[in-house]
PDB file of N, CA and C in Angstrom:
ATOM      1  N   MET A   1       4.166   1.800  -7.221  1.00  0.00           N
ATOM      2  CA  MET A   1       2.723   2.077  -7.741  1.00  0.00           C
ATOM      3  C   MET A   1       2.248   3.449  -7.567  1.00  0.00           C
ATOM      4  N   THR A   2       1.816   3.977  -8.435  1.00  0.00           N
ATOM      5  CA  THR A   2       1.462   5.479  -8.470  1.00  0.00           C
ATOM      6  C   THR A   2      -0.361   5.652  -8.444  1.00  0.00           C
ATOM      7  N   LYS A   3      -0.858   6.834  -7.804  1.00  0.00           N
ATOM      8  CA  LYS A   3      -2.116   6.870  -7.777  1.00  0.00           C
ATOM      9  C   LYS A   3      -2.873   6.529  -9.333  1.00  0.00           C
ATOM     10  N   ALA A   4      -2.303   7.122 -10.404  1.00  0.00           N
ATOM     11  CA  ALA A   4      -2.831   6.226 -11.570  1.00  0.00           C
ATOM     12  C   ALA A   4      -3.056   4.799 -11.458  1.00  0.00           C
ATOM     13  N   ASN A   5      -1.886   4.337 -10.976  1.00  0.00           N
ATOM     14  CA  ASN A   5      -2.631   2.565 -10.875  1.00  0.00           C
ATOM     15  C   ASN A   5      -3.237   2.104  -9.973  1.00  0.00           C
ATOM     16  N   LEU A   6      -3.566   2.844  -8.669  1.00  0.00           N
ATOM     17  CA  LEU A   6      -4.488   2.559  -7.812  1.00  0.00           C
ATOM     18  C   LEU A   6      -5.790   3.061  -8.544  1.00  0.00           C
ATOM     19  N   VAL A   7      -5.887   3.857  -9.063  1.00  0.00           N
ATOM     20  CA  VAL A   7      -7.150   4.250 -10.144  1.00  0.00           C
ATOM     21  C   VAL A   7      -7.605   3.033 -11.043  1.00  0.00           C
ATOM     22  N   ASP A   8      -6.394   2.667 -11.768  1.00  0.00           N
ATOM     23  CA  ASP A   8      -6.756   1.635 -12.678  1.00  0.00           C
ATOM     24  C   ASP A   8      -7.190   0.431 -12.166  1.00  0.00           C
ATOM     25  N   VAL A   9      -6.721   0.002 -10.966  1.00  0.00           N
ATOM     26  CA  VAL A   9      -7.081  -1.279 -10.031  1.00  0.00           C
ATOM     27  C   VAL A   9      -8.717  -0.950  -9.422  1.00  0.00           C
ATOM     28  N   ILE A  10      -8.733   0.166  -9.060  1.00  0.00           N
ATOM     29  CA  ILE A  10     -10.308   0.255  -8.366  1.00  0.00           C
ATOM     30  C   ILE A  10     -11.226   0.209  -9.918  1.00  0.00           C
ATOM     31  N   PHE A  11     -10.841   1.208 -11.019  1.00  0.00           N
ATOM     32  CA  PHE A  11     -11.530   0.862 -12.112  1.00  0.00           C
ATOM     33  C   PHE A  11     -11.687  -0.564 -12.673  1.00  0.00           C
ATOM     34  N   GLU A  12     -10.675  -1.114 -12.676  1.00  0.00           N
ATOM     35  CA  GLU A  12     -10.856  -2.816 -13.237  1.00  0.00           C
ATOM     36  C   GLU A  12     -11.579  -3.561 -12.205  1.00  0.00           C
ATOM     37  N   LYS A  13     -11.273  -3.712 -10.969  1.00  0.00           N
ATOM     38  CA  LYS A  13     -11.710  -4.790  -9.850  1.00  0.00           C
ATOM     39  C   LYS A  13     -13.293  -4.124  -9.485  1.00  0.00           C
ATOM     40  N   ILE A  14     -13.456  -2.712  -9.349  1.00  0.00           N
ATOM     41  CA  ILE A  14     -14.758  -2.426  -8.796  1.00  0.00           C
ATOM     42  C   ILE A  14     -15.599  -2.040 -10.252  1.00  0.00           C
ATOM     43  N   GLY A  15     -15.263  -1.775 -10.837  1.00  0.00           N
ATOM     44  CA  GLY A  15     -16.035  -1.077 -12.127  1.00  0.00           C
ATOM     45  C   GLY A  15     -16.639   0.094 -12.106  1.00  0.00           C
ATOM     46  N   LEU A  16     -15.993   1.116 -11.032  1.00  0.00           N
ATOM     47  CA  LEU A  16     -16.171   2.190 -11.208  1.00  0.00           C
ATOM     48  C   LEU A  16     -15.777   2.935 -12.133  1.00  0.00           C
ATOM     49  N   SER A  17     -16.294   4.250 -12.448  1.00  0.00           N
ATOM     50  CA  SER A  17     -15.885   5.026 -13.536  1.00  0.00           C
ATOM     51  C   SER A  17     -14.332   5.534 -13.249  1.00  0.00           C
ATOM     52  N   LYS A  18     -13.232   5.702 -13.911  1.00  0.00           N
ATOM     53  CA  LYS A  18     -11.989   6.188 -13.626  1.00  0.00           C
ATOM     54  C   LYS A  18     -12.036   7.758 -12.934  1.00  0.00           C
ATOM     55  N   LYS A  19     -13.050   8.451 -13.108  1.00  0.00           N
ATOM     56  CA  LYS A  19     -13.421   9.815 -12.487  1.00  0.00           C
ATOM     57  C   LYS A  19     -13.655   9.383 -11.121  1.00  0.00           C
ATOM     58  N   GLU A  20     -14.669   8.595 -10.867  1.00  0.00           N
ATOM     59  CA  GLU A  20     -15.111   8.203  -9.661  1.00  0.00           C
ATOM     60  C   GLU A  20     -14.144   7.752  -8.719  1.00  0.00           C
ATOM     61  N   ALA A  21     -13.254   6.811  -9.425  1.00  0.00           N
ATOM     62  CA  ALA A  21     -11.973   6.305  -8.593  1.00  0.00           C
ATOM     63  C   ALA A  21     -11.144   7.047  -8.620  1.00  0.00           C
ATOM     64  N   GLN A  22     -10.670   8.206  -9.353  1.00  0.00           N
ATOM     65  CA  GLN A  22      -9.784   8.851  -8.884  1.00  0.00           C
ATOM     66  C   GLN A  22     -10.177   9.945  -7.646  1.00  0.00           C
ATOM     67  N   GLU A  23     -11.824  10.319  -7.636  1.00  0.00           N
ATOM     68  CA  GLU A  23     -12.302  11.003  -6.400  1.00  0.00           C
ATOM     69  C   GLU A  23     -12.055  10.125  -5.082  1.00  0.00           C
ATOM     70  N   ILE A  24     -12.116   8.814  -5.214  1.00  0.00           N
ATOM     71  CA  ILE A  24     -11.985   7.961  -4.032  1.00  0.00           C
ATOM     72  C   ILE A  24     -10.553   8.126  -3.473  1.00  0.00           C
ATOM     73  N   ILE A  25      -9.581   8.076  -4.365  1.00  0.00           N
ATOM     74  CA  ILE A  25      -8.093   7.983  -4.103  1.00  0.00           C
ATOM     75  C   ILE A  25      -7.943   9.296  -3.798  1.00  0.00           C
ATOM     76  N   GLU A  26      -8.299  10.560  -4.274  1.00  0.00           N
ATOM     77  CA  GLU A  26      -7.998  11.847  -3.740  1.00  0.00           C
ATOM     78  C   GLU A  26      -8.430  12.035  -2.427  1.00  0.00           C
ATOM     79  N   THR A  27      -9.914  11.698  -1.825  1.00  0.00           N
ATOM     80  CA  THR A  27     -10.382  11.681  -0.774  1.00  0.00           C
ATOM     81  C   THR A  27      -9.706  11.148   0.252  1.00  0.00           C
ATOM     82  N   LEU A  28      -9.456   9.777  -0.014  1.00  0.00           N
ATOM     83  CA  LEU A  28      -8.689   9.095   0.840  1.00  0.00           C
ATOM     84  C   LEU A  28      -7.278   9.911   1.108  1.00  0.00           C
ATOM     85  N   PHE A  29      -6.670  10.082   0.259  1.00  0.00           N
ATOM     86  CA  PHE A  29      -5.219  10.759   0.615  1.00  0.00           C
ATOM     87  C   PHE A  29      -5.289  12.233   1.409  1.00  0.00           C
ATOM     88  N   ASP A  30      -6.120  12.894   0.754  1.00  0.00           N
ATOM     89  CA  ASP A  30      -6.747  14.394   1.654  1.00  0.00           C
ATOM     90  C   ASP A  30      -7.258  14.138   3.090  1.00  0.00           C
ATOM     91  N   THR A  31      -7.923  13.069   3.245  1.00  0.00           N
ATOM     92  CA  THR A  31      -8.273  12.948   4.509  1.00  0.00           C
ATOM     93  C   THR A  31      -7.089  12.252   5.363  1.00  0.00           C
ATOM     94  N   MET A  32      -6.264  11.498   4.907  1.00  0.00           N
ATOM     95  CA  MET A  32      -5.112  11.078   5.951  1.00  0.00           C
ATOM     96  C   MET A  32      -4.181  12.249   5.926  1.00  0.00           C
ATOM     97  N   LYS A  33      -3.969  12.863   4.900  1.00  0.00           N
ATOM     98  CA  LYS A  33      -3.029  14.142   4.850  1.00  0.00           C
ATOM     99  C   LYS A  33      -3.431  15.052   6.128  1.00  0.00           C
ATOM    100  N   GLN A  34      -4.801  15.409   6.407  1.00  0.00           N
ATOM    101  CA  GLN A  34      -5.231  16.078   7.310  1.00  0.00           C
ATOM    102  C   GLN A  34      -5.145  15.598   8.566  1.00  0.00           C
ATOM    103  N   ALA A  35      -5.339  14.145   8.894  1.00  0.00           N
ATOM    104  CA  ALA A  35      -4.993  13.545  10.095  1.00  0.00           C
ATOM    105  C   ALA A  35      -3.483  13.891  10.154  1.00  0.00           C
ATOM    106  N   PHE A  36      -2.815  13.688   9.557  1.00  0.00           N
ATOM    107  CA  PHE A  36      -1.097  14.078  10.092  1.00  0.00           C
ATOM    108  C   PHE A  36      -1.232  15.412  10.202  1.00  0.00           C
ATOM    109  N   VAL A  37      -1.495  16.190   9.610  1.00  0.00           N
ATOM    110  CA  VAL A  37      -1.099  17.470   9.836  1.00  0.00           C
ATOM    111  C   VAL A  37      -1.717  18.216  11.391  1.00  0.00           C
ATOM    112  N   GLU A  38      -2.872  16.984  11.704  1.00  0.00           N
ATOM    113  CA  GLU A  38      -3.663  17.348  13.099  1.00  0.00           C
ATOM    114  C   GLU A  38      -2.746  16.288  14.286  1.00  0.00           C
ATOM    115  N   GLY A  39      -1.533  15.939  13.650  1.00  0.00           N
ATOM    116  CA  GLY A  39      -0.841  14.886  14.403  1.00  0.00           C
ATOM    117  C   GLY A  39      -1.311  13.904  14.851  1.00  0.00           C
ATOM    118  N   GLU A  40      -2.476  13.193  14.439  1.00  0.00           N
ATOM    119  CA  GLU A  40      -3.162  11.942  14.434  1.00  0.00           C
ATOM    120  C   GLU A  40      -2.374  10.847  13.784  1.00  0.00           C
ATOM    121  N   SER A  41      -2.542   9.658  14.322  1.00  0.00           N
ATOM    122  CA  SER A  41      -2.055   8.584  13.404  1.00  0.00           C
ATOM    123  C   SER A  41      -3.076   7.728  12.870  1.00  0.00           C
ATOM    124  N   VAL A  42      -2.806   6.857  11.643  1.00  0.00           N
ATOM    125  CA  VAL A  42      -3.710   6.562  10.848  1.00  0.00           C
ATOM    126  C   VAL A  42      -3.671   5.108  10.668  1.00  0.00           C
ATOM    127  N   LYS A  43      -4.603   4.096  11.404  1.00  0.00           N
ATOM    128  CA  LYS A  43      -4.142   2.479  11.421  1.00  0.00           C
ATOM    129  C   LYS A  43      -5.356   2.156  10.342  1.00  0.00           C
ATOM    130  N   VAL A  44      -4.432   1.426   9.718  1.00  0.00           N
ATOM    131  CA  VAL A  44      -5.312   0.597   8.500  1.00  0.00           C
ATOM    132  C   VAL A  44      -5.145  -0.875   8.773  1.00  0.00           C
ATOM    133  N   SER A  45      -6.422  -1.538   9.019  1.00  0.00           N
ATOM    134  CA  SER A  45      -6.255  -2.869   9.504  1.00  0.00           C
ATOM    135  C   SER A  45      -5.516  -3.641   8.368  1.00  0.00           C
ATOM    136  N   SER A  46      -4.919  -4.580   9.212  1.00  0.00           N
ATOM    137  CA  SER A  46      -4.117  -5.602   8.159  1.00  0.00           C
ATOM    138  C   SER A  46      -2.933  -5.036   7.283  1.00  0.00           C
ATOM    139  N   PHE A  47      -2.777  -3.821   7.642  1.00  0.00           N
ATOM    140  CA  PHE A  47      -1.902  -3.045   6.766  1.00  0.00           C
ATOM    141  C   PHE A  47      -0.459  -2.563   7.420  1.00  0.00           C
ATOM    142  N   GLY A  48      -1.055  -1.747   8.150  1.00  0.00           N
ATOM    143  CA  GLY A  48      -0.149  -0.934   9.233  1.00  0.00           C
ATOM    144  C   GLY A  48      -0.662   0.338   9.801  1.00  0.00           C
ATOM    145  N   THR A  49       0.335   1.190  10.449  1.00  0.00           N
ATOM    146  CA  THR A  49       0.173   2.382  11.127  1.00  0.00           C
ATOM    147  C   THR A  49       1.023   3.158  10.806  1.00  0.00           C
ATOM    148  N   PHE A  50       0.236   4.283  10.131  1.00  0.00           N
ATOM    149  CA  PHE A  50       1.261   5.952   9.901  1.00  0.00           C
ATOM    150  C   PHE A  50       1.294   6.524  11.281  1.00  0.00           C
ATOM    151  N   ASN A  51       2.482   7.110  11.775  1.00  0.00           N
ATOM    152  CA  ASN A  51       2.531   7.877  12.535  1.00  0.00           C
ATOM    153  C   ASN A  51       3.242   9.507  12.054  1.00  0.00           C
ATOM    154  N   VAL A  52       2.978  10.243  12.894  1.00  0.00           N
ATOM    155  CA  VAL A  52       3.889  11.619  12.830  1.00  0.00           C
ATOM    156  C   VAL A  52       4.658  11.697  14.311  1.00  0.00           C
ATOM    157  N   ARG A  53       5.640  11.592  14.205  1.00  0.00           N
ATOM    158  CA  ARG A  53       6.849  11.672  15.634  1.00  0.00           C
ATOM    159  C   ARG A  53       7.425  12.934  15.591  1.00  0.00           C
ATOM    160  N   LYS A  54       7.706  13.428  16.471  1.00  0.00           N
ATOM    161  CA  LYS A  54       8.232  14.720  16.696  1.00  0.00           C
ATOM    162  C   LYS A  54       9.875  14.294  17.064  1.00  0.00           C
ATOM    163  N   LYS A  55      10.514  14.852  16.577  1.00  0.00           N
ATOM    164  CA  LYS A  55      12.465  14.640  16.812  1.00  0.00           C
ATOM    165  C   LYS A  55      12.659  16.404  17.260  1.00  0.00           C
ATOM    166  N   THR A  56      13.399  15.636  18.385  1.00  0.00           N
ATOM    167  CA  THR A  56      14.087  16.970  18.998  1.00  0.00           C
ATOM    168  C   THR A  56      15.494  17.297  18.192  1.00  0.00           C
ATOM    169  N   SER A  57      15.788  18.774  18.566  1.00  0.00           N
ATOM    170  CA  SER A  57      16.963  19.108  18.217  1.00  0.00           C
ATOM    171  C   SER A  57      18.364  18.317  18.420  1.00  0.00           C
ATOM    172  N   ARG A  58      19.160  17.822  17.817  1.00  0.00           N
ATOM    173  CA  ARG A  58      20.439  17.610  18.052  1.00  0.00           C
ATOM    174  C   ARG A  58      21.486  17.566  17.523  1.00  0.00           C
ATOM    175  N   LYS A  59      22.586  17.501  17.860  1.00  0.00           N
ATOM    176  CA  LYS A  59      24.194  17.949  17.386  1.00  0.00           C
ATOM    177  C   LYS A  59      24.263  16.699  16.309  1.00  0.00           C
ATOM    178  N   GLY A  60      24.798  17.569  15.163  1.00  0.00           N
ATOM    179  CA  GLY A  60      25.078  16.651  13.833  1.00  0.00           C
ATOM    180  C   GLY A  60      26.664  17.292  13.303  1.00  0.00           C
ATOM    181  N   ARG A  61      26.858  16.523  12.469  1.00  0.00           N
ATOM    182  CA  ARG A  61      28.253  16.713  11.816  1.00  0.00           C
ATOM    183  C   ARG A  61      28.414  16.588  10.600  1.00  0.00           C
ATOM    184  N   ASN A  62      29.080  17.624   9.863  1.00  0.00           N
ATOM    185  CA  ASN A  62      29.143  17.749   8.237  1.00  0.00           C
ATOM    186  C   ASN A  62      30.169  16.455   7.860  1.00  0.00           C
ATOM    187  N   PRO A  63      30.118  15.639   7.494  1.00  0.00           N
ATOM    188  CA  PRO A  63      31.047  14.265   7.216  1.00  0.00           C
ATOM    189  C   PRO A  63      32.104  14.953   6.243  1.00  0.00           C
ATOM    190  N   LYS A  64      31.897  15.811   5.383  1.00  0.00           N
ATOM    191  CA  LYS A  64      32.853  16.311   4.571  1.00  0.00           C
ATOM    192  C   LYS A  64      33.789  17.167   5.261  1.00  0.00           C
ATOM    193  N   THR A  65      33.238  18.586   6.019  1.00  0.00           N
ATOM    194  CA  THR A  65      34.184  19.050   6.535  1.00  0.00           C
ATOM    195  C   THR A  65      34.477  18.744   7.824  1.00  0.00           C
ATOM    196  N   GLY A  66      33.583  18.056   8.845  1.00  0.00           N
ATOM    197  CA  GLY A  66      33.660  17.896  10.234  1.00  0.00           C
ATOM    198  C   GLY A  66      33.353  18.865  11.073  1.00  0.00           C
ATOM    199  N   GLU A  67      32.644  19.754   9.988  1.00  0.00           N
ATOM    200  CA  GLU A  67      32.095  21.034  11.059  1.00  0.00           C
ATOM    201  C   GLU A  67      30.801  20.463  11.879  1.00  0.00           C
ATOM    202  N   ASP A  68      30.622  20.941  13.166  1.00  0.00           N
ATOM    203  CA  ASP A  68      29.409  20.967  14.042  1.00  0.00           C
ATOM    204  C   ASP A  68      28.415  21.720  13.563  1.00  0.00           C
ATOM    205  N   PHE A  69      27.034  21.227  13.906  1.00  0.00           N
ATOM    206  CA  PHE A  69      26.036  22.149  13.712  1.00  0.00           C
ATOM    207  C   PHE A  69      24.621  21.349  14.593  1.00  0.00           C
ATOM    208  N   GLU A  70      23.695  22.311  14.511  1.00  0.00           N
ATOM    209  CA  GLU A  70      22.566  21.575  15.447  1.00  0.00           C
ATOM    210  C   GLU A  70      21.339  21.387  14.281  1.00  0.00           C
ATOM    211  N   ILE A  71      21.115  20.049  14.456  1.00  0.00           N
ATOM    212  CA  ILE A  71      19.992  19.734  13.581  1.00  0.00           C
ATOM    213  C   ILE A  71      18.593  20.143  14.253  1.00  0.00           C
ATOM    214  N   THR A  72      18.028  20.811  13.365  1.00  0.00           N
ATOM    215  CA  THR A  72      16.653  21.892  14.093  1.00  0.00           C
ATOM    216  C   THR A  72      15.438  20.706  14.653  1.00  0.00           C
ATOM    217  N   PRO A  73      14.616  20.883  15.250  1.00  0.00           N
ATOM    218  CA  PRO A  73      13.463  19.878  15.643  1.00  0.00           C
ATOM    219  C   PRO A  73      12.651  19.791  14.370  1.00  0.00           C
ATOM    220  N   ARG A  74      12.013  18.571  14.028  1.00  0.00           N
ATOM    221  CA  ARG A  74      11.019  18.459  13.405  1.00  0.00           C
ATOM    222  C   ARG A  74      10.212  17.331  13.224  1.00  0.00           C
ATOM    223  N   LYS A  75       9.234  17.228  12.733  1.00  0.00           N
ATOM    224  CA  LYS A  75       8.070  16.156  12.633  1.00  0.00           C
ATOM    225  C   LYS A  75       8.579  15.293  11.533  1.00  0.00           C
ATOM    226  N   VAL A  76       8.448  14.009  11.710  1.00  0.00           N
ATOM    227  CA  VAL A  76       8.568  12.960  10.705  1.00  0.00           C
ATOM    228  C   VAL A  76       7.473  11.945  10.564  1.00  0.00           C
ATOM    229  N   MET A  77       7.241  11.205   9.239  1.00  0.00           N
ATOM    230  CA  MET A  77       6.296  10.271   9.340  1.00  0.00           C
ATOM    231  C   MET A  77       6.830   8.911   9.569  1.00  0.00           C
ATOM    232  N   THR A  78       6.479   8.089   9.929  1.00  0.00           N
ATOM    233  CA  THR A  78       7.137   6.773  10.278  1.00  0.00           C
ATOM    234  C   THR A  78       5.756   5.539   9.889  1.00  0.00           C
ATOM    235  N   PHE A  79       6.217   4.781   9.431  1.00  0.00           N
ATOM    236  CA  PHE A  79       5.059   3.326   9.390  1.00  0.00           C
ATOM    237  C   PHE A  79       5.711   2.340   9.933  1.00  0.00           C
ATOM    238  N   ARG A  80       4.563   1.423  10.387  1.00  0.00           N
ATOM    239  CA  ARG A  80       4.689   0.442  11.382  1.00  0.00           C
ATOM    240  C   ARG A  80       3.994  -0.728  10.596  1.00  0.00           C
ATOM    241  N   ALA A  81       4.453  -1.778   9.815  1.00  0.00           N
ATOM    242  CA  ALA A  81       3.577  -2.661   8.974  1.00  0.00           C
ATOM    243  C   ALA A  81       3.231  -3.655   9.959  1.00  0.00           C
ATOM    244  N   SER A  82       1.729  -4.121  10.055  1.00  0.00           N
ATOM    245  CA  SER A  82       0.918  -4.929  10.295  1.00  0.00           C
ATOM    246  C   SER A  82       1.788  -6.355  10.412  1.00  0.00           C
ATOM    247  N   ASN A  83       1.558  -7.303  11.360  1.00  0.00           N
ATOM    248  CA  ASN A  83       1.889  -8.710  11.128  1.00  0.00           C
ATOM    249  C   ASN A  83       1.386  -9.528   9.951  1.00  0.00           C
ATOM    250  N   GLN A  84       0.156  -9.056   9.657  1.00  0.00           N
ATOM    251  CA  GLN A  84      -0.529  -9.906   8.238  1.00  0.00           C
ATOM    252  C   GLN A  84       0.296  -9.100   7.070  1.00  0.00           C
ATOM    253  N   LEU A  85       0.699  -7.963   6.896  1.00  0.00           N
ATOM    254  CA  LEU A  85       1.254  -7.564   5.751  1.00  0.00           C
ATOM    255  C   LEU A  85       2.939  -7.952   6.085  1.00  0.00           C
ATOM    256  N   LYS A  86       3.284  -8.181   7.119  1.00  0.00           N
ATOM    257  CA  LYS A  86       4.883  -8.659   7.166  1.00  0.00           C
ATOM    258  C   LYS A  86       4.595 -10.198   6.602  1.00  0.00           C
ATOM    259  N   SER A  87       3.826 -10.845   7.051  1.00  0.00           N
ATOM    260  CA  SER A  87       3.780 -12.437   6.868  1.00  0.00           C
ATOM    261  C   SER A  87       3.523 -12.493   5.234  1.00  0.00           C
ATOM    262  N   ALA A  88       2.720 -11.468   4.539  1.00  0.00           N
ATOM    263  CA  ALA A  88       2.577 -11.615   3.140  1.00  0.00           C
ATOM    264  C   ALA A  88       3.966 -11.371   2.585  1.00  0.00           C
ATOM    265  N   ILE A  89       4.581 -10.580   2.888  1.00  0.00           N
ATOM    266  CA  ILE A  89       6.036 -10.224   2.418  1.00  0.00           C
ATOM    267  C   ILE A  89       6.850 -11.363   2.549  1.00  0.00           C
ATOM    268  N   GLU A  90       6.585 -11.666   3.487  1.00  0.00           N
ATOM    269  CA  GLU A  90       7.674 -12.882   3.747  1.00  0.00           C
ATOM    270  C   GLU A  90       7.335 -14.127   2.841  1.00  0.00           C
ATOM    271  N   LYS A  91       6.085 -14.272   2.799  1.00  0.00           N
ATOM    272  CA  LYS A  91       5.763 -15.622   1.835  1.00  0.00           C
ATOM    273  C   LYS A  91       6.002 -15.342   0.318  1.00  0.00           C
ATOM    274  N   GLN A  92       6.212 -14.367   0.078  1.00  0.00           N
ATOM    275  CA  GLN A  92       6.667 -13.644  -1.316  1.00  0.00           C
ATOM    276  C   GLN A  92       8.141 -14.043  -1.758  1.00  0.00           C
ATOM    277  N   ASP A  93       8.846 -14.194  -0.574  1.00  0.00           N
ATOM    278  CA  ASP A  93      10.479 -14.059  -0.557  1.00  0.00           C
ATOM    279  C   ASP A  93      10.571 -15.711  -0.544  1.00  0.00           C
ATOM    280  N   ALA A  94       9.999 -16.587   0.121  1.00  0.00           N
ATOM    281  CA  ALA A  94       9.964 -17.655  -0.122  1.00  0.00           C
ATOM    282  C   ALA A  94       9.953 -18.536  -1.189  1.00  0.00           C
TER     283      ALA A  94
END
C-alpha cells in the first residue's frame, strides 16, 4: 500500500477531497517523522508502537572475504504490533 492508496481510501470512505486527504496523510507522516528525529516513540492504539533504538558499535565480518571490521553505531526503527493487530492477522491466515 502506498501513500496514494491511503489518500484514495480516505477520499472514498470519508468523502474529503483528494487534496485534503493528501494533506492529512502528509501532516501525519511529517509529525511522525519529527517525533522519530527527536527520539520519541509513536504509539498508535490498536495498531502498534514505532520506536527509535540506538545500536552500539560491534564487530562484523565480511562473509565473502572473511575480513573483520567494525560496524558503526547507528539508530534503527523498530515496530511492535499490538495484540489486536496480531489477532487480526492471525484470523486472516486461518
